[in-house]
Amino acid sequence: MKSWSVVDRETRFLYCVEGLITLLAPGILWISFIFTGMLGLGRSFAGEREEGCLEGLRL
């Protein structure tokens, strides 16, 4: 039976974390894009509501 050294364990852990990051990064990026877009839409509709332009758009 081969015993693993601490360096080998750390190396295997880093490869596992790197693989996990490459799997999750695109999803996290899309979620941040959607969240930013929702914040922008909320602010633009708030301005339209304050100015009364939203009723004009409904017509």
N, C-alpha and C. Protein backbone atom coordinates (compact mmCIF):
# COMPACT_ATOMS: atom_id res chain seq x y z
N MET A 1 0.84 -1.17 0.00
CA MET A 1 0.00 0.00 0.00
C MET A 1 0.89 1.24 0.00
N LYS A 2 0.58 2.15 -0.86
CA LYS A 2 1.37 3.38 -0.99
C LYS A 2 0.76 4.47 -0.12
N SER A 3 1.58 5.13 0.69
CA SER A 3 1.06 6.23 1.51
C SER A 3 1.28 7.54 0.75
N TRP A 4 0.28 8.38 0.80
CA TRP A 4 0.35 9.66 0.11
C TRP A 4 0.97 10.70 1.03
N SER A 5 1.81 11.50 0.48
CA SER A 5 2.39 12.59 1.26
C SER A 5 1.42 13.77 1.28
N VAL A 6 1.73 14.73 2.12
CA VAL A 6 0.88 15.91 2.24
C VAL A 6 0.86 16.69 0.93
N VAL A 7 1.99 16.76 0.24
CA VAL A 7 2.07 17.50 -1.02
C VAL A 7 1.18 16.85 -2.07
N ASP A 8 1.18 15.53 -2.13
CA ASP A 8 0.32 14.84 -3.10
C ASP A 8 -1.14 15.09 -2.81
N ARG A 9 -1.52 15.12 -1.55
CA ARG A 9 -2.92 15.38 -1.20
C ARG A 9 -3.31 16.80 -1.57
N GLU A 10 -2.44 17.75 -1.30
CA GLU A 10 -2.74 19.14 -1.66
C GLU A 10 -2.86 19.30 -3.17
N THR A 11 -2.00 18.62 -3.92
CA THR A 11 -2.04 18.71 -5.38
C THR A 11 -3.35 18.14 -5.90
N ARG A 12 -3.76 16.99 -5.38
CA ARG A 12 -5.03 16.40 -5.82
C ARG A 12 -6.20 17.30 -5.47
N PHE A 13 -6.16 17.94 -4.29
CA PHE A 13 -7.23 18.85 -3.89
C PHE A 13 -7.30 20.04 -4.83
N LEU A 14 -6.15 20.60 -5.20
CA LEU A 14 -6.14 21.76 -6.09
C LEU A 14 -6.68 21.40 -7.47
N TYR A 15 -6.37 20.21 -7.98
CA TYR A 15 -6.93 19.79 -9.26
C TYR A 15 -8.44 19.64 -9.18
N CYS A 16 -8.93 19.16 -8.05
CA CYS A 16 -10.37 19.00 -7.87
C CYS A 16 -11.06 20.37 -7.82
N VAL A 17 -10.49 21.31 -7.09
CA VAL A 17 -11.06 22.66 -6.98
C VAL A 17 -11.03 23.36 -8.34
N GLU A 18 -9.94 23.18 -9.08
CA GLU A 18 -9.83 23.81 -10.40
C GLU A 18 -10.90 23.27 -11.34
N GLY A 19 -11.16 21.99 -11.29
CA GLY A 19 -12.22 21.40 -12.12
C GLY A 19 -13.59 21.91 -11.72
N LEU A 20 -13.81 22.09 -10.43
CA LEU A 20 -15.09 22.59 -9.96
C LEU A 20 -15.30 24.04 -10.40
N ILE A 21 -14.25 24.83 -10.35
CA ILE A 21 -14.36 26.23 -10.77
C ILE A 21 -14.68 26.33 -12.26
N THR A 22 -14.04 25.50 -13.07
CA THR A 22 -14.32 25.55 -14.50
C THR A 22 -15.73 25.10 -14.82
N LEU A 23 -16.32 24.27 -13.97
CA LEU A 23 -17.71 23.88 -14.19
C LEU A 23 -18.70 24.96 -13.75
N LEU A 24 -18.40 25.66 -12.68
CA LEU A 24 -19.34 26.62 -12.11
C LEU A 24 -19.20 28.04 -12.66
N ALA A 25 -18.06 28.39 -13.20
CA ALA A 25 -17.81 29.78 -13.62
C ALA A 25 -18.81 30.29 -14.67
N PRO A 26 -19.15 29.52 -15.72
CA PRO A 26 -20.11 30.07 -16.69
C PRO A 26 -21.48 30.35 -16.08
N GLY A 27 -21.95 29.49 -15.19
CA GLY A 27 -23.24 29.72 -14.55
C GLY A 27 -23.23 30.94 -13.67
N ILE A 28 -22.16 31.12 -12.92
CA ILE A 28 -22.05 32.29 -12.05
C ILE A 28 -22.00 33.56 -12.89
N LEU A 29 -21.33 33.51 -14.01
CA LEU A 29 -21.26 34.67 -14.90
C LEU A 29 -22.64 35.03 -15.44
N TRP A 30 -23.42 34.04 -15.89
CA TRP A 30 -24.77 34.31 -16.41
C TRP A 30 -25.69 34.83 -15.31
N ILE A 31 -25.58 34.28 -14.12
CA ILE A 31 -26.42 34.77 -13.02
C ILE A 31 -26.10 36.22 -12.71
N SER A 32 -24.82 36.59 -12.76
CA SER A 32 -24.46 37.99 -12.49
C SER A 32 -24.96 38.90 -13.61
N PHE A 33 -24.93 38.44 -14.87
CA PHE A 33 -25.49 39.25 -15.97
C PHE A 33 -26.99 39.46 -15.79
N ILE A 34 -27.71 38.42 -15.44
CA ILE A 34 -29.17 38.54 -15.27
C ILE A 34 -29.49 39.45 -14.09
N PHE A 35 -28.77 39.30 -12.99
CA PHE A 35 -29.00 40.14 -11.82
C PHE A 35 -28.75 41.61 -12.14
N THR A 36 -27.67 41.89 -12.87
CA THR A 36 -27.36 43.26 -13.24
C THR A 36 -28.43 43.84 -14.16
N GLY A 37 -28.91 43.03 -15.09
CA GLY A 37 -29.98 43.49 -15.98
C GLY A 37 -31.27 43.79 -15.24
N MET A 38 -31.60 42.94 -14.26
CA MET A 38 -32.81 43.19 -13.48
C MET A 38 -32.70 44.47 -12.66
N LEU A 39 -31.52 44.73 -12.12
CA LEU A 39 -31.33 45.99 -11.39
C LEU A 39 -31.48 47.19 -12.32
N GLY A 40 -30.93 47.09 -13.51
CA GLY A 40 -31.04 48.19 -14.47
C GLY A 40 -32.47 48.43 -14.91
N LEU A 41 -33.22 47.36 -15.14
CA LEU A 41 -34.62 47.52 -15.53
C LEU A 41 -35.45 48.14 -14.42
N GLY A 42 -35.17 47.73 -13.20
CA GLY A 42 -35.91 48.29 -12.06
C GLY A 42 -35.68 49.78 -11.92
N ARG A 43 -34.45 50.20 -12.13
CA ARG A 43 -34.15 51.63 -12.02
C ARG A 43 -34.77 52.42 -13.17
N SER A 44 -34.77 51.86 -14.35
CA SER A 44 -35.35 52.60 -15.48
C SER A 44 -36.87 52.71 -15.34
N PHE A 45 -37.53 51.66 -14.88
CA PHE A 45 -38.97 51.74 -14.68
C PHE A 45 -39.32 52.68 -13.52
N ALA A 46 -38.48 52.77 -12.51
CA ALA A 46 -38.74 53.71 -11.42
C ALA A 46 -38.71 55.15 -11.92
N GLY A 47 -37.76 55.45 -12.78
CA GLY A 47 -37.70 56.80 -13.37
C GLY A 47 -38.90 57.09 -14.24
N GLU A 48 -39.33 56.12 -15.02
CA GLU A 48 -40.51 56.31 -15.87
C GLU A 48 -41.76 56.51 -15.02
N ARG A 49 -41.87 55.79 -13.93
CA ARG A 49 -43.03 55.89 -13.05
C ARG A 49 -43.08 57.26 -12.38
N GLU A 50 -41.92 57.79 -11.98
CA GLU A 50 -41.89 59.10 -11.32
C GLU A 50 -42.28 60.22 -12.28
N GLU A 51 -41.88 60.10 -13.52
CA GLU A 51 -42.16 61.15 -14.50
C GLU A 51 -43.55 61.00 -15.12
N GLY A 52 -44.21 59.89 -14.88
CA GLY A 52 -45.55 59.69 -15.45
C GLY A 52 -45.52 59.21 -16.88
N CYS A 53 -44.38 58.83 -17.37
CA CYS A 53 -44.26 58.38 -18.76
C CYS A 53 -44.75 56.94 -18.96
N LEU A 54 -44.90 56.21 -17.89
CA LEU A 54 -45.31 54.83 -17.99
C LEU A 54 -46.75 54.73 -18.51
N GLU A 55 -47.61 55.69 -18.13
CA GLU A 55 -48.99 55.69 -18.66
C GLU A 55 -49.00 55.97 -20.15
N GLY A 56 -48.09 56.80 -20.61
CA GLY A 56 -47.98 57.08 -22.03
C GLY A 56 -47.53 55.85 -22.82
N LEU A 57 -46.71 55.06 -22.24
CA LEU A 57 -46.29 53.84 -22.90
C LEU A 57 -47.39 52.78 -22.93
N ARG A 58 -48.28 52.82 -21.97
CA ARG A 58 -49.39 51.85 -21.92
C ARG A 58 -50.38 52.10 -23.04
N LEU A 59 -50.50 53.33 -23.48
CA LEU A 59 -51.46 53.65 -24.55
C LEU A 59 -50.98 53.04 -25.82
